[in-house]
Amino acid sequence: PVSFGLLTTDNQEQTMERSGSKAGNKGFEAMTTLIEMMNL
């Protein structure tokens, strides 16, 4: 199991949104994906 939490964004605002503000934290999401895949 390997999860992909690499942000590929157009600007710093989008990056900020995905690293803990409006769009959540994609690191958190990548780890929950990893946990689910480990169990699967």
Full PDB file with SEQRES, HELIX, SHEET, SSBOND, CRYST1, ORIGX, SCALE, CONECT and MASTER records, all heavy atoms in Angstrom:
SEQRES   1 A   40  PRO VAL SER PHE GLY LEU LEU THR THR ASP ASN GLN GLU          
SEQRES   2 A   40  GLN THR MET GLU ARG SER GLY SER LYS ALA GLY ASN LYS          
SEQRES   3 A   40  GLY PHE GLU ALA MET THR THR LEU ILE GLU MET MET ASN          
SEQRES   4 A   40  LEU                                                          
HELIX    1 AA1 GLN A   12  ARG A   18  1                                   7    
HELIX    2 AA2 LYS A   26  ASN A   39  1                                  14    
SHEET    1 AA1 2 SER A  19  SER A  21  0                                        
SHEET    2 AA1 2 GLY A  24  ASN A  25 -1                                        
CRYST1    1.000    1.000    1.000  90.00  90.00  90.00 P 1           1          
ORIGX1      1.000000  0.000000  0.000000        0.00000                         
ORIGX2      0.000000  1.000000  0.000000        0.00000                         
ORIGX3      0.000000  0.000000  1.000000        0.00000                         
SCALE1      1.000000  0.000000  0.000000        0.00000                         
SCALE2      0.000000  1.000000  0.000000        0.00000                         
SCALE3      0.000000  0.000000  1.000000        0.00000                         
ATOM      1  N   PRO A   1       0.824  -1.207   0.000  1.00  0.00           N  
ATOM      2  CA  PRO A   1       0.000   0.000   0.000  1.00  0.00           C  
ATOM      3  C   PRO A   1       0.864   1.266   0.000  1.00  0.00           C  
ATOM      4  O   PRO A   1       1.774   1.406   0.819  1.00  0.00           O  
ATOM      5  CB  PRO A   1      -0.804  -0.105   1.295  1.00  0.00           C  
ATOM      6  CG  PRO A   1      -0.763  -1.541   1.673  1.00  0.00           C  
ATOM      7  CD  PRO A   1       0.545  -2.049   1.165  1.00  0.00           C  
ATOM      8  N   VAL A   2       0.588   2.141  -0.929  1.00  0.00           N  
ATOM      9  CA  VAL A   2       1.264   3.435  -1.047  1.00  0.00           C  
ATOM     10  C   VAL A   2       0.180   4.459  -1.340  1.00  0.00           C  
ATOM     11  O   VAL A   2      -0.656   4.234  -2.213  1.00  0.00           O  
ATOM     12  CB  VAL A   2       2.310   3.430  -2.189  1.00  0.00           C  
ATOM     13  CG1 VAL A   2       2.889   4.821  -2.402  1.00  0.00           C  
ATOM     14  CG2 VAL A   2       3.417   2.414  -1.915  1.00  0.00           C  
ATOM     15  N   SER A   3       0.203   5.566  -0.621  1.00  0.00           N  
ATOM     16  CA  SER A   3      -0.786   6.604  -0.907  1.00  0.00           C  
ATOM     17  C   SER A   3      -0.113   7.833  -1.484  1.00  0.00           C  
ATOM     18  O   SER A   3       1.065   8.089  -1.265  1.00  0.00           O  
ATOM     19  CB  SER A   3      -1.610   6.957   0.338  1.00  0.00           C  
ATOM     20  OG  SER A   3      -0.793   7.519   1.334  1.00  0.00           O  
ATOM     21  N   PHE A   4      -0.902   8.591  -2.217  1.00  0.00           N  
ATOM     22  CA  PHE A   4      -0.412   9.727  -2.993  1.00  0.00           C  
ATOM     23  C   PHE A   4      -0.979  11.014  -2.414  1.00  0.00           C  
ATOM     24  O   PHE A   4      -2.142  11.344  -2.627  1.00  0.00           O  
ATOM     25  CB  PHE A   4      -0.861   9.546  -4.452  1.00  0.00           C  
ATOM     26  CG  PHE A   4      -0.341  10.586  -5.388  1.00  0.00           C  
ATOM     27  CD1 PHE A   4       0.948  10.525  -5.857  1.00  0.00           C  
ATOM     28  CD2 PHE A   4      -1.152  11.626  -5.804  1.00  0.00           C  
ATOM     29  CE1 PHE A   4       1.424  11.481  -6.747  1.00  0.00           C  
ATOM     30  CE2 PHE A   4      -0.692  12.583  -6.686  1.00  0.00           C  
ATOM     31  CZ  PHE A   4       0.609  12.512  -7.160  1.00  0.00           C  
ATOM     32  N   GLY A   5      -0.141  11.737  -1.680  1.00  0.00           N  
ATOM     33  CA  GLY A   5      -0.537  13.017  -1.112  1.00  0.00           C  
ATOM     34  C   GLY A   5       0.303  14.151  -1.655  1.00  0.00           C  
ATOM     35  O   GLY A   5       0.632  15.091  -0.943  1.00  0.00           O  
ATOM     36  N   LEU A   6       0.672  14.047  -2.921  1.00  0.00           N  
ATOM     37  CA  LEU A   6       1.476  15.079  -3.580  1.00  0.00           C  
ATOM     38  C   LEU A   6       0.534  16.116  -4.185  1.00  0.00           C  
ATOM     39  O   LEU A   6      -0.217  15.813  -5.105  1.00  0.00           O  
ATOM     40  CB  LEU A   6       2.358  14.467  -4.656  1.00  0.00           C  
ATOM     41  CG  LEU A   6       3.208  15.430  -5.477  1.00  0.00           C  
ATOM     42  CD1 LEU A   6       4.224  16.155  -4.601  1.00  0.00           C  
ATOM     43  CD2 LEU A   6       3.906  14.691  -6.618  1.00  0.00           C  
ATOM     44  N   LEU A   7       0.576  17.322  -3.656  1.00  0.00           N  
ATOM     45  CA  LEU A   7      -0.225  18.402  -4.215  1.00  0.00           C  
ATOM     46  C   LEU A   7       0.422  18.910  -5.491  1.00  0.00           C  
ATOM     47  O   LEU A   7       1.631  19.137  -5.531  1.00  0.00           O  
ATOM     48  CB  LEU A   7      -0.336  19.558  -3.224  1.00  0.00           C  
ATOM     49  CG  LEU A   7      -0.926  19.255  -1.862  1.00  0.00           C  
ATOM     50  CD1 LEU A   7      -0.957  20.519  -1.003  1.00  0.00           C  
ATOM     51  CD2 LEU A   7      -2.313  18.659  -1.991  1.00  0.00           C  
ATOM     52  N   THR A   8      -0.368  19.080  -6.522  1.00  0.00           N  
ATOM     53  CA  THR A   8       0.100  19.686  -7.767  1.00  0.00           C  
ATOM     54  C   THR A   8      -0.877  20.818  -8.060  1.00  0.00           C  
ATOM     55  O   THR A   8      -1.971  20.588  -8.562  1.00  0.00           O  
ATOM     56  CB  THR A   8       0.130  18.654  -8.915  1.00  0.00           C  
ATOM     57  OG1 THR A   8      -1.136  18.023  -9.020  1.00  0.00           O  
ATOM     58  CG2 THR A   8       1.195  17.591  -8.660  1.00  0.00           C  
ATOM     59  N   THR A   9      -0.461  22.029  -7.719  1.00  0.00           N  
ATOM     60  CA  THR A   9      -1.376  23.164  -7.740  1.00  0.00           C  
ATOM     61  C   THR A   9      -0.861  24.289  -8.632  1.00  0.00           C  
ATOM     62  O   THR A   9       0.323  24.346  -8.963  1.00  0.00           O  
ATOM     63  CB  THR A   9      -1.576  23.705  -6.316  1.00  0.00           C  
ATOM     64  OG1 THR A   9      -0.306  24.045  -5.770  1.00  0.00           O  
ATOM     65  CG2 THR A   9      -2.245  22.662  -5.423  1.00  0.00           C  
ATOM     66  N   ASP A  10      -1.771  25.182  -8.981  1.00  0.00           N  
ATOM     67  CA  ASP A  10      -1.412  26.306  -9.843  1.00  0.00           C  
ATOM     68  C   ASP A  10      -0.806  27.476  -9.077  1.00  0.00           C  
ATOM     69  O   ASP A  10      -0.107  28.296  -9.666  1.00  0.00           O  
ATOM     70  CB  ASP A  10      -2.644  26.798 -10.603  1.00  0.00           C  
ATOM     71  CG  ASP A  10      -3.067  25.822 -11.689  1.00  0.00           C  
ATOM     72  OD1 ASP A  10      -2.183  25.198 -12.305  1.00  0.00           O  
ATOM     73  OD2 ASP A  10      -4.285  25.692 -11.915  1.00  0.00           O  
ATOM     74  N   ASN A  11      -1.114  27.580  -7.777  1.00  0.00           N  
ATOM     75  CA  ASN A  11      -0.616  28.728  -7.007  1.00  0.00           C  
ATOM     76  C   ASN A  11      -0.595  28.409  -5.514  1.00  0.00           C  
ATOM     77  O   ASN A  11      -1.100  27.368  -5.082  1.00  0.00           O  
ATOM     78  CB  ASN A  11      -1.478  29.966  -7.285  1.00  0.00           C  
ATOM     79  CG  ASN A  11      -2.948  29.703  -7.048  1.00  0.00           C  
ATOM     80  OD1 ASN A  11      -3.347  29.234  -5.990  1.00  0.00           O  
ATOM     81  ND2 ASN A  11      -3.779  29.993  -8.059  1.00  0.00           N  
ATOM     82  N   GLN A  12      -0.034  29.325  -4.745  1.00  0.00           N  
ATOM     83  CA  GLN A  12       0.087  29.108  -3.305  1.00  0.00           C  
ATOM     84  C   GLN A  12      -1.275  29.070  -2.606  1.00  0.00           C  
ATOM     85  O   GLN A  12      -1.448  28.349  -1.622  1.00  0.00           O  
ATOM     86  CB  GLN A  12       0.982  30.171  -2.682  1.00  0.00           C  
ATOM     87  CG  GLN A  12       2.430  30.003  -3.068  1.00  0.00           C  
ATOM     88  CD  GLN A  12       3.352  30.958  -2.330  1.00  0.00           C  
ATOM     89  OE1 GLN A  12       2.914  31.846  -1.615  1.00  0.00           O  
ATOM     90  NE2 GLN A  12       4.652  30.768  -2.512  1.00  0.00           N  
ATOM     91  N   GLU A  13      -2.229  29.832  -3.107  1.00  0.00           N  
ATOM     92  CA  GLU A  13      -3.567  29.831  -2.508  1.00  0.00           C  
ATOM     93  C   GLU A  13      -4.198  28.440  -2.580  1.00  0.00           C  
ATOM     94  O   GLU A  13      -4.747  27.934  -1.597  1.00  0.00           O  
ATOM     95  CB  GLU A  13      -4.469  30.858  -3.196  1.00  0.00           C  
ATOM     96  CG  GLU A  13      -5.864  30.922  -2.594  1.00  0.00           C  
ATOM     97  CD  GLU A  13      -6.760  31.932  -3.297  1.00  0.00           C  
ATOM     98  OE1 GLU A  13      -6.249  32.857  -3.951  1.00  0.00           O  
ATOM     99  OE2 GLU A  13      -7.985  31.774  -3.178  1.00  0.00           O  
ATOM    100  N   GLN A  14      -4.120  27.796  -3.745  1.00  0.00           N  
ATOM    101  CA  GLN A  14      -4.648  26.439  -3.884  1.00  0.00           C  
ATOM    102  C   GLN A  14      -3.898  25.468  -2.973  1.00  0.00           C  
ATOM    103  O   GLN A  14      -4.499  24.563  -2.399  1.00  0.00           O  
ATOM    104  CB  GLN A  14      -4.524  25.958  -5.333  1.00  0.00           C  
ATOM    105  CG  GLN A  14      -5.450  26.621  -6.296  1.00  0.00           C  
ATOM    106  CD  GLN A  14      -5.223  26.148  -7.727  1.00  0.00           C  
ATOM    107  OE1 GLN A  14      -4.239  25.461  -8.026  1.00  0.00           O  
ATOM    108  NE2 GLN A  14      -6.129  26.527  -8.615  1.00  0.00           N  
ATOM    109  N   THR A  15      -2.608  25.675  -2.855  1.00  0.00           N  
ATOM    110  CA  THR A  15      -1.802  24.804  -1.999  1.00  0.00           C  
ATOM    111  C   THR A  15      -2.222  24.958  -0.545  1.00  0.00           C  
ATOM    112  O   THR A  15      -2.366  23.965   0.179  1.00  0.00           O  
ATOM    113  CB  THR A  15      -0.302  25.116  -2.177  1.00  0.00           C  
ATOM    114  OG1 THR A  15       0.005  25.159  -3.577  1.00  0.00           O  
ATOM    115  CG2 THR A  15       0.560  24.069  -1.511  1.00  0.00           C  
ATOM    116  N   MET A  16      -2.430  26.194  -0.114  1.00  0.00           N  
ATOM    117  CA  MET A  16      -2.872  26.456   1.255  1.00  0.00           C  
ATOM    118  C   MET A  16      -4.227  25.811   1.520  1.00  0.00           C  
ATOM    119  O   MET A  16      -4.445  25.197   2.567  1.00  0.00           O  
ATOM    120  CB  MET A  16      -2.953  27.968   1.517  1.00  0.00           C  
ATOM    121  CG  MET A  16      -3.418  28.320   2.916  1.00  0.00           C  
ATOM    122  SD  MET A  16      -2.334  27.716   4.209  1.00  0.00           S  
ATOM    123  CE  MET A  16      -1.064  28.948   4.144  1.00  0.00           C  
ATOM    124  N   GLU A  17      -5.138  25.920   0.553  1.00  0.00           N  
ATOM    125  CA  GLU A  17      -6.469  25.331   0.710  1.00  0.00           C  
ATOM    126  C   GLU A  17      -6.402  23.829   0.917  1.00  0.00           C  
ATOM    127  O   GLU A  17      -7.195  23.261   1.660  1.00  0.00           O  
ATOM    128  CB  GLU A  17      -7.327  25.640  -0.523  1.00  0.00           C  
ATOM    129  CG  GLU A  17      -7.746  27.083  -0.640  1.00  0.00           C  
ATOM    130  CD  GLU A  17      -8.445  27.397  -1.947  1.00  0.00           C  
ATOM    131  OE1 GLU A  17      -8.549  26.498  -2.830  1.00  0.00           O  
ATOM    132  OE2 GLU A  17      -8.874  28.550  -2.111  1.00  0.00           O  
ATOM    133  N   ARG A  18      -5.453  23.179   0.276  1.00  0.00           N  
ATOM    134  CA  ARG A  18      -5.356  21.723   0.326  1.00  0.00           C  
ATOM    135  C   ARG A  18      -4.440  21.214   1.440  1.00  0.00           C  
ATOM    136  O   ARG A  18      -4.371  20.011   1.677  1.00  0.00           O  
ATOM    137  CB  ARG A  18      -4.876  21.201  -1.030  1.00  0.00           C  
ATOM    138  CG  ARG A  18      -5.974  21.304  -2.079  1.00  0.00           C  
ATOM    139  CD  ARG A  18      -5.444  21.362  -3.492  1.00  0.00           C  
ATOM    140  NE  ARG A  18      -6.531  21.463  -4.449  1.00  0.00           N  
ATOM    141  CZ  ARG A  18      -7.206  22.574  -4.709  1.00  0.00           C  
ATOM    142  NH1 ARG A  18      -6.930  23.701  -4.079  1.00  0.00           N  
ATOM    143  NH2 ARG A  18      -8.185  22.581  -5.598  1.00  0.00           N  
ATOM    144  N   SER A  19      -3.757  22.124   2.099  1.00  0.00           N  
ATOM    145  CA  SER A  19      -2.861  21.695   3.180  1.00  0.00           C  
ATOM    146  C   SER A  19      -3.395  22.097   4.549  1.00  0.00           C  
ATOM    147  O   SER A  19      -2.639  22.224   5.504  1.00  0.00           O  
ATOM    148  CB  SER A  19      -1.447  22.238   2.954  1.00  0.00           C  
ATOM    149  OG  SER A  19      -1.440  23.653   2.918  1.00  0.00           O  
ATOM    150  N   GLY A  20      -4.692  22.278   4.627  1.00  0.00           N  
ATOM    151  CA  GLY A  20      -5.272  22.485   5.945  1.00  0.00           C  
ATOM    152  C   GLY A  20      -6.326  23.559   6.080  1.00  0.00           C  
ATOM    153  O   GLY A  20      -6.769  23.834   7.183  1.00  0.00           O  
ATOM    154  N   SER A  21      -6.776  24.166   4.987  1.00  0.00           N  
ATOM    155  CA  SER A  21      -7.842  25.159   5.155  1.00  0.00           C  
ATOM    156  C   SER A  21      -9.103  24.702   4.431  1.00  0.00           C  
ATOM    157  O   SER A  21      -9.616  23.629   4.700  1.00  0.00           O  
ATOM    158  CB  SER A  21      -7.380  26.564   4.734  1.00  0.00           C  
ATOM    159  OG  SER A  21      -7.161  26.646   3.355  1.00  0.00           O  
ATOM    160  N   LYS A  22      -9.599  25.469   3.476  1.00  0.00           N  
ATOM    161  CA  LYS A  22     -10.897  25.227   2.839  1.00  0.00           C  
ATOM    162  C   LYS A  22     -11.104  23.797   2.312  1.00  0.00           C  
ATOM    163  O   LYS A  22     -12.165  23.226   2.487  1.00  0.00           O  
ATOM    164  CB  LYS A  22     -11.086  26.183   1.654  1.00  0.00           C  
ATOM    165  CG  LYS A  22     -11.314  27.597   2.009  1.00  0.00           C  
ATOM    166  CD  LYS A  22     -11.561  28.371   0.719  1.00  0.00           C  
ATOM    167  CE  LYS A  22     -11.310  29.837   0.895  1.00  0.00           C  
ATOM    168  NZ  LYS A  22     -11.422  30.537  -0.390  1.00  0.00           N  
ATOM    169  N   ALA A  23     -10.125  23.269   1.627  1.00  0.00           N  
ATOM    170  CA  ALA A  23     -10.279  21.957   0.983  1.00  0.00           C  
ATOM    171  C   ALA A  23      -9.799  20.822   1.887  1.00  0.00           C  
ATOM    172  O   ALA A  23      -9.607  19.703   1.428  1.00  0.00           O  
ATOM    173  CB  ALA A  23      -9.538  21.940  -0.352  1.00  0.00           C  
ATOM    174  N   GLY A  24      -9.611  21.088   3.159  1.00  0.00           N  
ATOM    175  CA  GLY A  24      -9.155  20.049   4.083  1.00  0.00           C  
ATOM    176  C   GLY A  24      -7.654  19.868   4.033  1.00  0.00           C  
ATOM    177  O   GLY A  24      -6.924  20.711   3.511  1.00  0.00           O  
ATOM    178  N   ASN A  25      -7.195  18.770   4.587  1.00  0.00           N  
ATOM    179  CA  ASN A  25      -5.764  18.480   4.612  1.00  0.00           C  
ATOM    180  C   ASN A  25      -5.531  17.196   3.831  1.00  0.00           C  
ATOM    181  O   ASN A  25      -5.948  16.115   4.254  1.00  0.00           O  
ATOM    182  CB  ASN A  25      -5.279  18.338   6.057  1.00  0.00           C  
ATOM    183  CG  ASN A  25      -3.786  18.161   6.151  1.00  0.00           C  
ATOM    184  OD1 ASN A  25      -3.209  17.280   5.516  1.00  0.00           O  
ATOM    185  ND2 ASN A  25      -3.150  18.990   6.961  1.00  0.00           N  
ATOM    186  N   LYS A  26      -4.890  17.331   2.679  1.00  0.00           N  
ATOM    187  CA  LYS A  26      -4.675  16.177   1.804  1.00  0.00           C  
ATOM    188  C   LYS A  26      -3.675  15.190   2.406  1.00  0.00           C  
ATOM    189  O   LYS A  26      -3.662  14.014   2.018  1.00  0.00           O  
ATOM    190  CB  LYS A  26      -4.233  16.625   0.409  1.00  0.00           C  
ATOM    191  CG  LYS A  26      -5.264  17.498  -0.298  1.00  0.00           C  
ATOM    192  CD  LYS A  26      -6.614  16.832  -0.408  1.00  0.00           C  
ATOM    193  CE  LYS A  26      -7.634  17.712  -1.107  1.00  0.00           C  
ATOM    194  NZ  LYS A  26      -8.967  17.145  -1.115  1.00  0.00           N  
ATOM    195  N   GLY A  27      -2.852  15.620   3.363  1.00  0.00           N  
ATOM    196  CA  GLY A  27      -1.987  14.689   4.090  1.00  0.00           C  
ATOM    197  C   GLY A  27      -2.818  13.755   4.959  1.00  0.00           C  
ATOM    198  O   GLY A  27      -2.565  12.547   5.014  1.00  0.00           O  
ATOM    199  N   PHE A  28      -3.815  14.309   5.638  1.00  0.00           N  
ATOM    200  CA  PHE A  28      -4.754  13.512   6.438  1.00  0.00           C  
ATOM    201  C   PHE A  28      -5.463  12.507   5.537  1.00  0.00           C  
ATOM    202  O   PHE A  28      -5.560  11.321   5.857  1.00  0.00           O  
ATOM    203  CB  PHE A  28      -5.756  14.432   7.136  1.00  0.00           C  
ATOM    204  CG  PHE A  28      -6.620  13.743   8.156  1.00  0.00           C  
ATOM    205  CD1 PHE A  28      -6.290  13.800   9.498  1.00  0.00           C  
ATOM    206  CD2 PHE A  28      -7.770  13.057   7.781  1.00  0.00           C  
ATOM    207  CE1 PHE A  28      -7.100  13.171  10.458  1.00  0.00           C  
ATOM    208  CE2 PHE A  28      -8.569  12.435   8.714  1.00  0.00           C  
ATOM    209  CZ  PHE A  28      -8.236  12.489  10.063  1.00  0.00           C  
ATOM    210  N   GLU A  29      -5.948  12.990   4.395  1.00  0.00           N  
ATOM    211  CA  GLU A  29      -6.661  12.112   3.463  1.00  0.00           C  
ATOM    212  C   GLU A  29      -5.760  11.015   2.910  1.00  0.00           C  
ATOM    213  O   GLU A  29      -6.193   9.872   2.750  1.00  0.00           O  
ATOM    214  CB  GLU A  29      -7.247  12.933   2.312  1.00  0.00           C  
ATOM    215  CG  GLU A  29      -8.395  13.819   2.732  1.00  0.00           C  
ATOM    216  CD  GLU A  29      -8.938  14.661   1.582  1.00  0.00           C  
ATOM    217  OE1 GLU A  29      -8.730  14.295   0.399  1.00  0.00           O  
ATOM    218  OE2 GLU A  29      -9.583  15.681   1.870  1.00  0.00           O  
ATOM    219  N   ALA A  30      -4.505  11.358   2.618  1.00  0.00           N  
ATOM    220  CA  ALA A  30      -3.576  10.353   2.093  1.00  0.00           C  
ATOM    221  C   ALA A  30      -3.324   9.261   3.125  1.00  0.00           C  
ATOM    222  O   ALA A  30      -3.237   8.075   2.785  1.00  0.00           O  
ATOM    223  CB  ALA A  30      -2.269  11.011   1.663  1.00  0.00           C  
ATOM    224  N   MET A  31      -3.227   9.639   4.391  1.00  0.00           N  
ATOM    225  CA  MET A  31      -3.004   8.629   5.429  1.00  0.00           C  
ATOM    226  C   MET A  31      -4.246   7.776   5.647  1.00  0.00           C  
ATOM    227  O   MET A  31      -4.134   6.562   5.828  1.00  0.00           O  
ATOM    228  CB  MET A  31      -2.564   9.275   6.741  1.00  0.00           C  
ATOM    229  CG  MET A  31      -2.243   8.263   7.830  1.00  0.00           C  
ATOM    230  SD  MET A  31      -0.961   7.035   7.417  1.00  0.00           S  
ATOM    231  CE  MET A  31       0.514   8.035   7.637  1.00  0.00           C  
ATOM    232  N   THR A  32      -5.434   8.355   5.615  1.00  0.00           N  
ATOM    233  CA  THR A  32      -6.629   7.525   5.784  1.00  0.00           C  
ATOM    234  C   THR A  32      -6.779   6.557   4.609  1.00  0.00           C  
ATOM    235  O   THR A  32      -7.186   5.406   4.802  1.00  0.00           O  
ATOM    236  CB  THR A  32      -7.917   8.364   5.961  1.00  0.00           C  
ATOM    237  OG1 THR A  32      -8.085   9.239   4.855  1.00  0.00           O  
ATOM    238  CG2 THR A  32      -7.885   9.148   7.261  1.00  0.00           C  
ATOM    239  N   THR A  33      -6.413   7.008   3.425  1.00  0.00           N  
ATOM    240  CA  THR A  33      -6.404   6.114   2.259  1.00  0.00           C  
ATOM    241  C   THR A  33      -5.439   4.968   2.490  1.00  0.00           C  
ATOM    242  O   THR A  33      -5.748   3.797   2.217  1.00  0.00           O  
ATOM    243  CB  THR A  33      -6.018   6.896   0.986  1.00  0.00           C  
ATOM    244  OG1 THR A  33      -7.011   7.879   0.722  1.00  0.00           O  
ATOM    245  CG2 THR A  33      -5.856   5.968  -0.209  1.00  0.00           C  
ATOM    246  N   LEU A  34      -4.257   5.288   3.004  1.00  0.00           N  
ATOM    247  CA  LEU A  34      -3.242   4.266   3.256  1.00  0.00           C  
ATOM    248  C   LEU A  34      -3.742   3.239   4.275  1.00  0.00           C  
ATOM    249  O   LEU A  34      -3.578   2.031   4.074  1.00  0.00           O  
ATOM    250  CB  LEU A  34      -1.948   4.918   3.753  1.00  0.00           C  
ATOM    251  CG  LEU A  34      -0.757   3.982   3.879  1.00  0.00           C  
ATOM    252  CD1 LEU A  34      -0.259   3.583   2.493  1.00  0.00           C  
ATOM    253  CD2 LEU A  34       0.358   4.630   4.681  1.00  0.00           C  
ATOM    254  N   ILE A  35      -4.341   3.708   5.345  1.00  0.00           N  
ATOM    255  CA  ILE A  35      -4.863   2.810   6.383  1.00  0.00           C  
ATOM    256  C   ILE A  35      -5.919   1.871   5.805  1.00  0.00           C  
ATOM    257  O   ILE A  35      -5.904   0.661   6.041  1.00  0.00           O  
ATOM    258  CB  ILE A  35      -5.424   3.625   7.571  1.00  0.00           C  
ATOM    259  CG1 ILE A  35      -4.290   4.366   8.279  1.00  0.00           C  
ATOM    260  CG2 ILE A  35      -6.182   2.712   8.540  1.00  0.00           C  
ATOM    261  CD1 ILE A  35      -4.763   5.453   9.243  1.00  0.00           C  
ATOM    262  N   GLU A  36      -6.828   2.436   5.027  1.00  0.00           N  
ATOM    263  CA  GLU A  36      -7.857   1.602   4.411  1.00  0.00           C  
ATOM    264  C   GLU A  36      -7.249   0.557   3.477  1.00  0.00           C  
ATOM    265  O   GLU A  36      -7.646  -0.613   3.470  1.00  0.00           O  
ATOM    266  CB  GLU A  36      -8.873   2.458   3.648  1.00  0.00           C  
ATOM    267  CG  GLU A  36     -10.002   1.650   3.072  1.00  0.00           C  
ATOM    268  CD  GLU A  36     -11.092   2.491   2.430  1.00  0.00           C  
ATOM    269  OE1 GLU A  36     -11.150   3.708   2.664  1.00  0.00           O  
ATOM    270  OE2 GLU A  36     -11.903   1.895   1.690  1.00  0.00           O  
ATOM    271  N   MET A  37      -6.263   0.977   2.691  1.00  0.00           N  
ATOM    272  CA  MET A  37      -5.618   0.042   1.762  1.00  0.00           C  
ATOM    273  C   MET A  37      -4.810  -1.025   2.497  1.00  0.00           C  
ATOM    274  O   MET A  37      -4.771  -2.182   2.068  1.00  0.00           O  
ATOM    275  CB  MET A  37      -4.737   0.803   0.767  1.00  0.00           C  
ATOM    276  CG  MET A  37      -5.532   1.639  -0.219  1.00  0.00           C  
ATOM    277  SD  MET A  37      -6.748   0.682  -1.170  1.00  0.00           S  
ATOM    278  CE  MET A  37      -5.659  -0.313  -2.175  1.00  0.00           C  
ATOM    279  N   MET A  38      -4.183  -0.673   3.611  1.00  0.00           N  
ATOM    280  CA  MET A  38      -3.463  -1.673   4.413  1.00  0.00           C  
ATOM    281  C   MET A  38      -4.433  -2.776   4.846  1.00  0.00           C  
ATOM    282  O   MET A  38      -4.120  -3.973   4.760  1.00  0.00           O  
ATOM    283  CB  MET A  38      -2.825  -1.024   5.646  1.00  0.00           C  
ATOM    284  CG  MET A  38      -1.638  -0.158   5.338  1.00  0.00           C  
ATOM    285  SD  MET A  38      -1.069   0.800   6.788  1.00  0.00           S  
ATOM    286  CE  MET A  38      -0.580  -0.512   7.916  1.00  0.00           C  
ATOM    287  N   ASN A  39      -5.597  -2.368   5.304  1.00  0.00           N  
ATOM    288  CA  ASN A  39      -6.593  -3.348   5.748  1.00  0.00           C  
ATOM    289  C   ASN A  39      -7.202  -4.119   4.591  1.00  0.00           C  
ATOM    290  O   ASN A  39      -7.466  -5.310   4.721  1.00  0.00           O  
ATOM    291  CB  ASN A  39      -7.666  -2.647   6.583  1.00  0.00           C  
ATOM    292  CG  ASN A  39      -7.118  -2.222   7.930  1.00  0.00           C  
ATOM    293  OD1 ASN A  39      -6.462  -2.994   8.605  1.00  0.00           O  
ATOM    294  ND2 ASN A  39      -7.364  -0.987   8.308  1.00  0.00           N  
ATOM    295  N   LEU A  40      -7.402  -3.456   3.468  1.00  0.00           N  
ATOM    296  CA  LEU A  40      -7.919  -4.155   2.285  1.00  0.00           C  
ATOM    297  C   LEU A  40      -6.936  -5.218   1.809  1.00  0.00           C  
ATOM    298  O   LEU A  40      -7.334  -6.326   1.469  1.00  0.00           O  
ATOM    299  CB  LEU A  40      -8.220  -3.148   1.164  1.00  0.00           C  
ATOM    300  CG  LEU A  40      -8.777  -3.756  -0.123  1.00  0.00           C  
ATOM    301  CD1 LEU A  40     -10.106  -4.462   0.133  1.00  0.00           C  
ATOM    302  CD2 LEU A  40      -8.921  -2.678  -1.181  1.00  0.00           C  
TER     303      LEU A  40                                                      
MASTER        0    0    0    2    2    0    0    6  302    1    0    4          
END                                                                             
